Structures are given as C-alpha cells and as structure tokens.
Amino acid sequence: MQQSAVADVFDGLPPYRKKELIRFALTRAEVAAESLKLSFRGRPPDPETLAGKRIERDGSSRSEALAW
C-alpha cells in the first residue's frame, strides 16, 4: 500500500479510531519548545533507509526519496 493510500484511509477514519491507531503504533512522545521526539513500536528502520538509500538484492545501492 502506498503512503498516499494510507493517508486517504487515515483521513476517512473518525477521530476516536485515529487516536486508537496512533496509540497502537506510538510508544512514547516527547514534546519540547523546539523539538518533537517520537518512539514507535516495532523494529527500527534500516539506517540506510533513513539516509535515503536502499540496498538492492544484488548488492548495488541507489538513492531514493524518503516516503514519510
């Protein structure tokens, strides 16, 4: 499922369902005047994914846009 499709589904949910979904995925949130730190459940992302690179199965790498 693409990010835009997920956003469309999320936008169509009633507010209480959105809250349940966020609580299901989010374990901790720290809010400060200049920053926001979020901790999510599950395995952390691959550092190369965060850097905008993806390693292909054949060992080659290529840059791609981040899909947040």
C-alpha atoms as a PDB file:
ATOM      1  CA  MET A   1       0.000   0.000   0.000  1.00  0.00           C
ATOM      2  CA  GLN A   2       1.385   3.397  -0.916  1.00  0.00           C
ATOM      3  CA  GLN A   3       1.721   6.239   1.551  1.00  0.00           C
ATOM      4  CA  SER A   4      -0.977   8.294  -0.172  1.00  0.00           C
ATOM      5  CA  ALA A   5      -3.430   5.387   0.101  1.00  0.00           C
ATOM      6  CA  VAL A   6      -2.684   5.044   3.821  1.00  0.00           C
ATOM      7  CA  ALA A   7      -3.184   8.787   4.284  1.00  0.00           C
ATOM      8  CA  ASP A   8      -6.531   8.589   2.464  1.00  0.00           C
ATOM      9  CA  VAL A   9      -7.727   5.779   4.727  1.00  0.00           C
ATOM     10  CA  PHE A  10      -6.479   7.584   7.844  1.00  0.00           C
ATOM     11  CA  ASP A  11      -8.234  10.807   6.799  1.00  0.00           C
ATOM     12  CA  GLY A  12     -11.503   8.911   6.450  1.00  0.00           C
ATOM     13  CA  LEU A  13     -11.408   7.486   9.982  1.00  0.00           C
ATOM     14  CA  PRO A  14     -13.434   9.003  12.797  1.00  0.00           C
ATOM     15  CA  PRO A  15     -11.359  10.845  15.435  1.00  0.00           C
ATOM     16  CA  TYR A  16     -11.599   8.067  18.053  1.00  0.00           C
ATOM     17  CA  ARG A  17     -10.256   5.499  15.535  1.00  0.00           C
ATOM     18  CA  LYS A  18      -7.361   7.802  14.613  1.00  0.00           C
ATOM     19  CA  LYS A  19      -6.487   8.090  18.296  1.00  0.00           C
ATOM     20  CA  GLU A  20      -6.618   4.295  18.735  1.00  0.00           C
ATOM     21  CA  LEU A  21      -4.386   3.770  15.712  1.00  0.00           C
ATOM     22  CA  ILE A  22      -1.810   6.309  16.909  1.00  0.00           C
ATOM     23  CA  ARG A  23      -1.803   4.769  20.391  1.00  0.00           C
ATOM     24  CA  PHE A  24      -1.283   1.343  18.833  1.00  0.00           C
ATOM     25  CA  ALA A  25       1.803   2.460  16.871  1.00  0.00           C
ATOM     26  CA  LEU A  26       3.318   5.093  19.176  1.00  0.00           C
ATOM     27  CA  THR A  27       5.012   4.107  22.433  1.00  0.00           C
ATOM     28  CA  ARG A  28       6.331   7.486  23.561  1.00  0.00           C
ATOM     29  CA  ALA A  29       6.245  11.142  22.545  1.00  0.00           C
ATOM     30  CA  GLU A  30       8.396  13.918  23.994  1.00  0.00           C
ATOM     31  CA  VAL A  31       7.351  17.463  23.156  1.00  0.00           C
ATOM     32  CA  ALA A  32       9.657  20.429  23.782  1.00  0.00           C
ATOM     33  CA  ALA A  33       9.552  24.038  22.602  1.00  0.00           C
ATOM     34  CA  GLU A  34      11.914  23.330  19.698  1.00  0.00           C
ATOM     35  CA  SER A  35      11.615  19.583  19.107  1.00  0.00           C
ATOM     36  CA  LEU A  36       9.371  16.555  18.929  1.00  0.00           C
ATOM     37  CA  LYS A  37      10.717  13.052  19.619  1.00  0.00           C
ATOM     38  CA  LEU A  38       8.569  10.045  18.735  1.00  0.00           C
ATOM     39  CA  SER A  39       9.184   6.380  19.582  1.00  0.00           C
ATOM     40  CA  PHE A  40       7.271   3.787  17.594  1.00  0.00           C
ATOM     41  CA  ARG A  41       6.609   0.117  18.249  1.00  0.00           C
ATOM     42  CA  GLY A  42       8.325  -2.478  16.146  1.00  0.00           C
ATOM     43  CA  ARG A  43      11.740  -2.911  14.637  1.00  0.00           C
ATOM     44  CA  PRO A  44      13.695   0.287  13.992  1.00  0.00           C
ATOM     45  CA  PRO A  45      14.152   1.230  10.341  1.00  0.00           C
ATOM     46  CA  ASP A  46      17.310   0.332   8.496  1.00  0.00           C
ATOM     47  CA  PRO A  47      19.809   3.236   8.816  1.00  0.00           C
ATOM     48  CA  GLU A  48      20.270   3.227   5.043  1.00  0.00           C
ATOM     49  CA  THR A  49      16.543   3.699   4.593  1.00  0.00           C
ATOM     50  CA  LEU A  50      16.718   6.799   6.778  1.00  0.00           C
ATOM     51  CA  ALA A  51      19.681   8.069   4.764  1.00  0.00           C
ATOM     52  CA  GLY A  52      17.629   7.839   1.566  1.00  0.00           C
ATOM     53  CA  LYS A  53      19.492   4.839   0.164  1.00  0.00           C
ATOM     54  CA  ARG A  54      18.252   1.362  -0.457  1.00  0.00           C
ATOM     55  CA  ILE A  55      20.464  -1.680  -0.941  1.00  0.00           C
ATOM     56  CA  GLU A  56      19.216  -3.876  -3.757  1.00  0.00           C
ATOM     57  CA  ARG A  57      19.319  -7.672  -3.529  1.00  0.00           C
ATOM     58  CA  ASP A  58      22.213  -7.797  -5.962  1.00  0.00           C
ATOM     59  CA  GLY A  59      24.307  -5.621  -3.613  1.00  0.00           C
ATOM     60  CA  SER A  60      24.007  -2.411  -5.604  1.00  0.00           C
ATOM     61  CA  SER A  61      22.599   0.691  -3.970  1.00  0.00           C
ATOM     62  CA  ARG A  62      20.609   3.611  -5.261  1.00  0.00           C
ATOM     63  CA  SER A  63      19.210   6.786  -3.782  1.00  0.00           C
ATOM     64  CA  GLU A  64      15.509   7.322  -3.489  1.00  0.00           C
ATOM     65  CA  ALA A  65      13.192   9.864  -1.891  1.00  0.00           C
ATOM     66  CA  LEU A  66      12.104   9.161   1.646  1.00  0.00           C
ATOM     67  CA  ALA A  67       8.458   8.113   1.962  1.00  0.00           C
ATOM     68  CA  TRP A  68       7.255   9.527   5.262  1.00  0.00           C
END
